[in-house]
Amino acid sequence: MHRRAFLACAVLVPVSGCLDFLEDNSEEITEPGDVEIVWDDLVRENPDTEDERVVVWGAVRNIGDRTLSYIEIRATFLDADGEVLETVIESVTVEDDSREQWAFDVEFPRFGEDAADVSTYELEPATGV
């Protein structure tokens, strides 16, 4: 019986250590409010063909106090009725935090008629590190 209790404790100790590690490092992730989307635009390539592509181009900047090396942008693509067609998260690598802003692009994952259905989009900074 004591052996089972020991094994149960032995399993829990490493897990609790992992949870402490995750809690300590969760402070490294910034709040979306630390990042601002400066400009954005929907671009269509090869419209009205089966190769039609939709990409959102834009730029973000750090408005928080932390130095960032990585930012995620969430794009939600919508049709003319406001229905969600797809949500895509892309990363922005921040190579030099002294710059004022960094470019990003988020591509709609389907082509042709599916891409033609994209009417508008919404952007949201997801996270940053």
N, C-alpha and C. Protein backbone atom coordinates (compact mmCIF):
# COMPACT_ATOMS: atom_id res chain seq x y z
N MET A 1 0.82 -1.20 0.00
CA MET A 1 0.00 0.00 0.00
C MET A 1 0.86 1.27 0.00
N HIS A 2 1.94 1.26 0.79
CA HIS A 2 2.82 2.43 0.83
C HIS A 2 3.49 2.66 -0.51
N ARG A 3 3.73 1.59 -1.22
CA ARG A 3 4.37 1.71 -2.53
C ARG A 3 3.48 2.50 -3.49
N ARG A 4 2.17 2.25 -3.48
CA ARG A 4 1.24 2.99 -4.35
C ARG A 4 1.21 4.47 -3.99
N ALA A 5 1.20 4.76 -2.71
CA ALA A 5 1.19 6.16 -2.28
C ALA A 5 2.47 6.87 -2.72
N PHE A 6 3.60 6.17 -2.61
CA PHE A 6 4.87 6.75 -3.04
C PHE A 6 4.85 7.03 -4.54
N LEU A 7 4.36 6.06 -5.33
CA LEU A 7 4.31 6.24 -6.77
C LEU A 7 3.38 7.39 -7.16
N ALA A 8 2.27 7.52 -6.47
CA ALA A 8 1.35 8.62 -6.76
C ALA A 8 2.02 9.96 -6.49
N CYS A 9 2.76 10.07 -5.38
CA CYS A 9 3.46 11.31 -5.07
C CYS A 9 4.59 11.57 -6.05
N ALA A 10 5.28 10.53 -6.46
CA ALA A 10 6.39 10.67 -7.39
C ALA A 10 5.91 11.21 -8.73
N VAL A 11 4.71 10.84 -9.13
CA VAL A 11 4.15 11.33 -10.39
C VAL A 11 3.73 12.78 -10.25
N LEU A 12 3.17 13.17 -9.13
CA LEU A 12 2.66 14.52 -8.94
C LEU A 12 3.75 15.57 -8.79
N VAL A 13 4.88 15.22 -8.23
CA VAL A 13 5.95 16.21 -8.01
C VAL A 13 6.45 16.81 -9.31
N PRO A 14 6.81 16.00 -10.34
CA PRO A 14 7.26 16.61 -11.60
C PRO A 14 6.17 17.45 -12.27
N VAL A 15 4.92 17.02 -12.17
CA VAL A 15 3.83 17.77 -12.79
C VAL A 15 3.67 19.13 -12.12
N SER A 16 3.72 19.15 -10.80
CA SER A 16 3.57 20.43 -10.11
C SER A 16 4.74 21.35 -10.44
N GLY A 17 5.93 20.78 -10.62
CA GLY A 17 7.08 21.59 -11.04
C GLY A 17 6.86 22.19 -12.41
N CYS A 18 6.26 21.44 -13.33
CA CYS A 18 5.95 21.95 -14.67
C CYS A 18 4.93 23.07 -14.60
N LEU A 19 3.94 22.91 -13.72
CA LEU A 19 2.92 23.95 -13.60
C LEU A 19 3.54 25.24 -13.08
N ASP A 20 4.45 25.13 -12.11
CA ASP A 20 5.14 26.33 -11.61
C ASP A 20 5.94 26.99 -12.73
N PHE A 21 6.61 26.19 -13.56
CA PHE A 21 7.38 26.72 -14.68
C PHE A 21 6.49 27.47 -15.65
N LEU A 22 5.32 26.88 -15.98
CA LEU A 22 4.40 27.54 -16.91
C LEU A 22 3.87 28.84 -16.33
N GLU A 23 3.54 28.84 -15.04
CA GLU A 23 3.03 30.07 -14.41
C GLU A 23 4.10 31.16 -14.41
N ASP A 24 5.35 30.79 -14.11
CA ASP A 24 6.44 31.77 -14.08
C ASP A 24 6.68 32.38 -15.45
N ASN A 25 6.60 31.58 -16.50
CA ASN A 25 6.89 32.06 -17.85
C ASN A 25 5.70 32.68 -18.55
N SER A 26 4.50 32.55 -17.98
CA SER A 26 3.32 33.14 -18.63
C SER A 26 3.38 34.66 -18.60
N GLU A 27 4.16 35.23 -17.71
CA GLU A 27 4.28 36.68 -17.64
C GLU A 27 5.02 37.25 -18.85
N GLU A 28 5.74 36.41 -19.59
CA GLU A 28 6.48 36.86 -20.75
C GLU A 28 5.57 37.21 -21.93
N ILE A 29 4.36 36.65 -21.94
CA ILE A 29 3.44 36.91 -23.05
C ILE A 29 2.75 38.25 -22.79
N THR A 30 2.78 39.11 -23.77
CA THR A 30 2.18 40.43 -23.60
C THR A 30 0.68 40.36 -23.80
N GLU A 31 0.03 41.36 -23.36
CA GLU A 31 -1.40 41.51 -23.61
C GLU A 31 -1.58 42.08 -25.01
N PRO A 32 -2.69 41.76 -25.69
CA PRO A 32 -2.92 42.33 -27.01
C PRO A 32 -2.85 43.86 -27.02
N GLY A 33 -3.15 44.49 -25.90
CA GLY A 33 -3.10 45.94 -25.82
C GLY A 33 -1.70 46.52 -25.92
N ASP A 34 -0.67 45.66 -25.81
CA ASP A 34 0.72 46.11 -25.94
C ASP A 34 1.13 46.30 -27.39
N VAL A 35 0.30 45.83 -28.32
CA VAL A 35 0.60 45.88 -29.75
C VAL A 35 -0.54 46.60 -30.47
N GLU A 36 -0.19 47.50 -31.37
CA GLU A 36 -1.19 48.26 -32.12
C GLU A 36 -1.02 48.01 -33.62
N ILE A 37 -2.13 47.77 -34.30
CA ILE A 37 -2.09 47.65 -35.76
C ILE A 37 -2.12 49.07 -36.32
N VAL A 38 -1.05 49.42 -37.04
CA VAL A 38 -0.87 50.78 -37.54
C VAL A 38 -1.65 50.99 -38.83
N TRP A 39 -1.58 50.05 -39.76
CA TRP A 39 -2.34 50.13 -41.01
C TRP A 39 -2.55 48.72 -41.53
N ASP A 40 -3.59 48.56 -42.36
CA ASP A 40 -3.86 47.26 -42.97
C ASP A 40 -4.68 47.45 -44.24
N ASP A 41 -4.61 46.45 -45.13
CA ASP A 41 -5.31 46.54 -46.40
C ASP A 41 -5.54 45.13 -46.95
N LEU A 42 -6.69 44.92 -47.57
CA LEU A 42 -7.01 43.67 -48.23
C LEU A 42 -6.55 43.74 -49.68
N VAL A 43 -5.77 42.75 -50.10
CA VAL A 43 -5.23 42.73 -51.45
C VAL A 43 -5.72 41.47 -52.16
N ARG A 44 -6.23 41.64 -53.38
CA ARG A 44 -6.66 40.51 -54.21
C ARG A 44 -5.68 40.33 -55.35
N GLU A 45 -5.27 39.10 -55.56
CA GLU A 45 -4.40 38.78 -56.68
C GLU A 45 -5.15 37.83 -57.60
N ASN A 46 -5.03 38.02 -58.89
CA ASN A 46 -5.70 37.21 -59.91
C ASN A 46 -7.22 37.13 -59.71
N PRO A 47 -7.89 38.29 -59.55
CA PRO A 47 -9.33 38.27 -59.30
C PRO A 47 -10.11 37.61 -60.44
N ASP A 48 -11.22 37.00 -60.06
CA ASP A 48 -12.15 36.35 -61.00
C ASP A 48 -11.51 35.20 -61.77
N THR A 49 -10.52 34.54 -61.16
CA THR A 49 -9.92 33.35 -61.75
C THR A 49 -9.90 32.26 -60.68
N GLU A 50 -9.59 31.04 -61.09
CA GLU A 50 -9.47 29.97 -60.10
C GLU A 50 -8.19 30.10 -59.27
N ASP A 51 -7.33 31.03 -59.65
CA ASP A 51 -6.10 31.31 -58.89
C ASP A 51 -6.25 32.53 -57.98
N GLU A 52 -7.47 33.07 -57.86
CA GLU A 52 -7.66 34.26 -57.01
C GLU A 52 -7.18 33.98 -55.60
N ARG A 53 -6.47 34.95 -55.08
CA ARG A 53 -5.87 34.88 -53.75
C ARG A 53 -6.22 36.14 -52.98
N VAL A 54 -6.42 36.01 -51.68
CA VAL A 54 -6.71 37.16 -50.82
C VAL A 54 -5.68 37.19 -49.70
N VAL A 55 -5.06 38.36 -49.53
CA VAL A 55 -4.04 38.55 -48.50
C VAL A 55 -4.31 39.87 -47.79
N VAL A 56 -4.18 39.87 -46.48
CA VAL A 56 -4.24 41.12 -45.73
C VAL A 56 -2.80 41.51 -45.40
N TRP A 57 -2.43 42.69 -45.83
CA TRP A 57 -1.12 43.25 -45.51
C TRP A 57 -1.30 44.31 -44.45
N GLY A 58 -0.31 44.48 -43.63
CA GLY A 58 -0.42 45.50 -42.61
C GLY A 58 0.89 45.72 -41.88
N ALA A 59 0.82 46.53 -40.84
CA ALA A 59 1.98 46.80 -39.99
C ALA A 59 1.51 46.95 -38.55
N VAL A 60 2.35 46.50 -37.64
CA VAL A 60 2.07 46.61 -36.20
C VAL A 60 3.23 47.32 -35.53
N ARG A 61 2.95 47.82 -34.34
CA ARG A 61 4.04 48.41 -33.55
C ARG A 61 3.81 48.11 -32.08
N ASN A 62 4.89 48.15 -31.35
CA ASN A 62 4.89 47.92 -29.91
C ASN A 62 4.54 49.22 -29.22
N ILE A 63 3.44 49.25 -28.48
CA ILE A 63 3.08 50.45 -27.73
C ILE A 63 3.22 50.22 -26.23
N GLY A 64 3.71 49.03 -25.88
CA GLY A 64 3.93 48.70 -24.47
C GLY A 64 5.36 49.00 -24.05
N ASP A 65 5.68 48.63 -22.82
CA ASP A 65 7.00 48.89 -22.26
C ASP A 65 7.99 47.75 -22.47
N ARG A 66 7.51 46.58 -22.85
CA ARG A 66 8.38 45.41 -22.99
C ARG A 66 9.04 45.37 -24.36
N THR A 67 10.22 44.76 -24.41
CA THR A 67 10.88 44.50 -25.67
C THR A 67 10.28 43.23 -26.25
N LEU A 68 9.86 43.28 -27.51
CA LEU A 68 9.21 42.14 -28.14
C LEU A 68 10.12 41.47 -29.16
N SER A 69 9.96 40.16 -29.31
CA SER A 69 10.68 39.44 -30.35
C SER A 69 9.73 38.67 -31.25
N TYR A 70 8.46 38.59 -30.87
CA TYR A 70 7.48 37.78 -31.60
C TYR A 70 6.09 38.32 -31.33
N ILE A 71 5.28 38.44 -32.38
CA ILE A 71 3.90 38.91 -32.25
C ILE A 71 3.02 38.00 -33.10
N GLU A 72 1.80 37.74 -32.64
CA GLU A 72 0.83 36.99 -33.44
C GLU A 72 -0.31 37.93 -33.81
N ILE A 73 -0.77 37.80 -35.06
CA ILE A 73 -1.91 38.56 -35.56
C ILE A 73 -3.00 37.57 -35.96
N ARG A 74 -4.21 37.78 -35.48
CA ARG A 74 -5.35 36.94 -35.84
C ARG A 74 -6.21 37.69 -36.85
N ALA A 75 -6.41 37.07 -38.02
CA ALA A 75 -7.28 37.64 -39.06
C ALA A 75 -8.51 36.76 -39.20
N THR A 76 -9.67 37.38 -39.14
CA THR A 76 -10.93 36.67 -39.36
C THR A 76 -11.49 37.18 -40.67
N PHE A 77 -11.63 36.27 -41.62
CA PHE A 77 -12.14 36.61 -42.96
C PHE A 77 -13.65 36.39 -42.98
N LEU A 78 -14.38 37.39 -43.51
CA LEU A 78 -15.84 37.37 -43.50
C LEU A 78 -16.39 37.49 -44.91
N ASP A 79 -17.60 36.92 -45.11
CA ASP A 79 -18.27 37.08 -46.41
C ASP A 79 -19.15 38.33 -46.36
N ALA A 80 -19.90 38.57 -47.43
CA ALA A 80 -20.73 39.79 -47.53
C ALA A 80 -21.82 39.85 -46.47
N ASP A 81 -22.25 38.70 -45.94
CA ASP A 81 -23.27 38.65 -44.90
C ASP A 81 -22.69 38.74 -43.50
N GLY A 82 -21.37 38.88 -43.41
CA GLY A 82 -20.72 38.96 -42.11
C GLY A 82 -20.45 37.60 -41.48
N GLU A 83 -20.64 36.53 -42.23
CA GLU A 83 -20.37 35.18 -41.72
C GLU A 83 -18.87 34.90 -41.79
N VAL A 84 -18.36 34.24 -40.75
CA VAL A 84 -16.94 33.91 -40.70
C VAL A 84 -16.64 32.79 -41.68
N LEU A 85 -15.69 33.06 -42.57
CA LEU A 85 -15.24 32.05 -43.53
C LEU A 85 -14.04 31.28 -42.98
N GLU A 86 -13.15 31.98 -42.32
CA GLU A 86 -11.92 31.37 -41.82
C GLU A 86 -11.24 32.32 -40.85
N THR A 87 -10.55 31.77 -39.86
CA THR A 87 -9.70 32.55 -38.96
C THR A 87 -8.30 32.00 -39.06
N VAL A 88 -7.34 32.90 -39.27
CA VAL A 88 -5.94 32.51 -39.46
C VAL A 88 -5.08 33.32 -38.50
N ILE A 89 -4.12 32.65 -37.86
CA ILE A 89 -3.16 33.35 -37.01
C ILE A 89 -1.79 33.25 -37.66
N GLU A 90 -1.16 34.40 -37.85
CA GLU A 90 0.19 34.46 -38.43
C GLU A 90 1.13 35.12 -37.42
N SER A 91 2.37 34.75 -37.49
CA SER A 91 3.36 35.34 -36.60
C SER A 91 4.13 36.45 -37.31
N VAL A 92 4.57 37.40 -36.52
CA VAL A 92 5.40 38.49 -36.99
C VAL A 92 6.70 38.41 -36.19
N THR A 93 7.81 38.17 -36.86
CA THR A 93 9.09 38.12 -36.16
C THR A 93 9.63 39.54 -36.05
N VAL A 94 9.90 39.92 -34.85
CA VAL A 94 10.43 41.25 -34.57
C VAL A 94 11.94 41.12 -34.48
N GLU A 95 12.64 41.47 -35.55
CA GLU A 95 14.09 41.30 -35.60
C GLU A 95 14.83 42.43 -34.90
N ASP A 96 14.23 43.59 -34.83
CA ASP A 96 14.90 44.75 -34.25
C ASP A 96 13.84 45.58 -33.53
N ASP A 97 13.81 45.51 -32.20
CA ASP A 97 12.77 46.20 -31.45
C ASP A 97 12.94 47.72 -31.47
N SER A 98 14.05 48.22 -31.99
CA SER A 98 14.23 49.67 -32.05
C SER A 98 13.43 50.27 -33.20
N ARG A 99 12.99 49.44 -34.16
CA ARG A 99 12.16 49.94 -35.26
C ARG A 99 10.80 50.33 -34.72
N GLU A 100 10.15 51.24 -35.40
CA GLU A 100 8.85 51.69 -34.95
C GLU A 100 7.72 50.74 -35.30
N GLN A 101 7.84 50.03 -36.42
CA GLN A 101 6.76 49.12 -36.83
C GLN A 101 7.30 47.98 -37.67
N TRP A 102 6.50 46.89 -37.76
CA TRP A 102 6.90 45.70 -38.50
C TRP A 102 5.76 45.27 -39.41
N ALA A 103 6.11 44.88 -40.62
CA ALA A 103 5.11 44.46 -41.61
C ALA A 103 4.66 43.03 -41.34
N PHE A 104 3.42 42.73 -41.75
CA PHE A 104 2.89 41.37 -41.67
C PHE A 104 1.97 41.13 -42.85
N ASP A 105 1.73 39.87 -43.15
CA ASP A 105 0.70 39.51 -44.12
C ASP A 105 0.04 38.22 -43.65
N VAL A 106 -1.27 38.16 -43.85
CA VAL A 106 -2.06 37.00 -43.49
C VAL A 106 -2.84 36.58 -44.72
N GLU A 107 -2.61 35.38 -45.19
CA GLU A 107 -3.24 34.90 -46.42
C GLU A 107 -4.46 34.04 -46.10
N PHE A 108 -5.54 34.30 -46.83
CA PHE A 108 -6.72 33.44 -46.75
C PHE A 108 -6.29 32.07 -47.30
N PRO A 109 -6.61 30.97 -46.61
CA PRO A 109 -6.02 29.68 -46.98
C PRO A 109 -6.59 28.99 -48.21
N ARG A 110 -7.65 29.54 -48.81
CA ARG A 110 -8.24 28.90 -49.99
C ARG A 110 -8.17 29.85 -51.18
N PHE A 111 -8.29 29.29 -52.38
CA PHE A 111 -8.13 30.05 -53.62
C PHE A 111 -9.43 30.04 -54.42
N GLY A 112 -9.42 30.76 -55.54
CA GLY A 112 -10.53 30.74 -56.49
C GLY A 112 -11.82 31.30 -55.95
N GLU A 113 -12.92 30.57 -56.15
CA GLU A 113 -14.24 31.03 -55.72
C GLU A 113 -14.31 31.25 -54.22
N ASP A 114 -13.64 30.39 -53.45
CA ASP A 114 -13.63 30.57 -51.99
C ASP A 114 -12.99 31.90 -51.61
N ALA A 115 -11.90 32.24 -52.26
CA ALA A 115 -11.25 33.52 -51.99
C ALA A 115 -12.12 34.69 -52.45
N ALA A 116 -12.85 34.50 -53.54
CA ALA A 116 -13.74 35.55 -54.05
C ALA A 116 -14.86 35.86 -53.06
N ASP A 117 -15.21 34.90 -52.21
CA ASP A 117 -16.27 35.11 -51.22
C ASP A 117 -15.85 36.04 -50.09
N VAL A 118 -14.56 36.27 -49.93
CA VAL A 118 -14.08 37.15 -48.86
C VAL A 118 -14.48 38.59 -49.20
N SER A 119 -15.27 39.17 -48.30
CA SER A 119 -15.73 40.54 -48.50
C SER A 119 -14.98 41.52 -47.61
N THR A 120 -14.71 41.10 -46.40
CA THR A 120 -14.03 41.97 -45.44
C THR A 120 -13.28 41.10 -44.43
N TYR A 121 -12.67 41.73 -43.46
CA TYR A 121 -11.87 41.01 -42.47
C TYR A 121 -11.80 41.81 -41.18
N GLU A 122 -11.41 41.13 -40.12
CA GLU A 122 -11.14 41.78 -38.84
C GLU A 122 -9.76 41.34 -38.38
N LEU A 123 -9.00 42.25 -37.82
CA LEU A 123 -7.65 41.94 -37.32
C LEU A 123 -7.59 42.16 -35.83
N GLU A 124 -6.79 41.32 -35.19
CA GLU A 124 -6.58 41.47 -33.75
C GLU A 124 -5.18 40.98 -33.40
N PRO A 125 -4.41 41.80 -32.70
CA PRO A 125 -3.14 41.29 -32.19
C PRO A 125 -3.48 40.23 -31.15
N ALA A 126 -2.93 39.03 -31.34
CA ALA A 126 -3.25 37.94 -30.43
C ALA A 126 -2.32 37.96 -29.23
N THR A 127 -1.03 37.77 -29.45
CA THR A 127 -0.06 37.78 -28.36
C THR A 127 1.27 38.27 -28.86
N GLY A 128 2.15 38.51 -27.95
CA GLY A 128 3.52 38.87 -28.29
C GLY A 128 4.45 38.42 -27.19
N VAL A 129 5.69 38.15 -27.54
CA VAL A 129 6.69 37.75 -26.56
C VAL A 129 7.93 38.60 -26.77
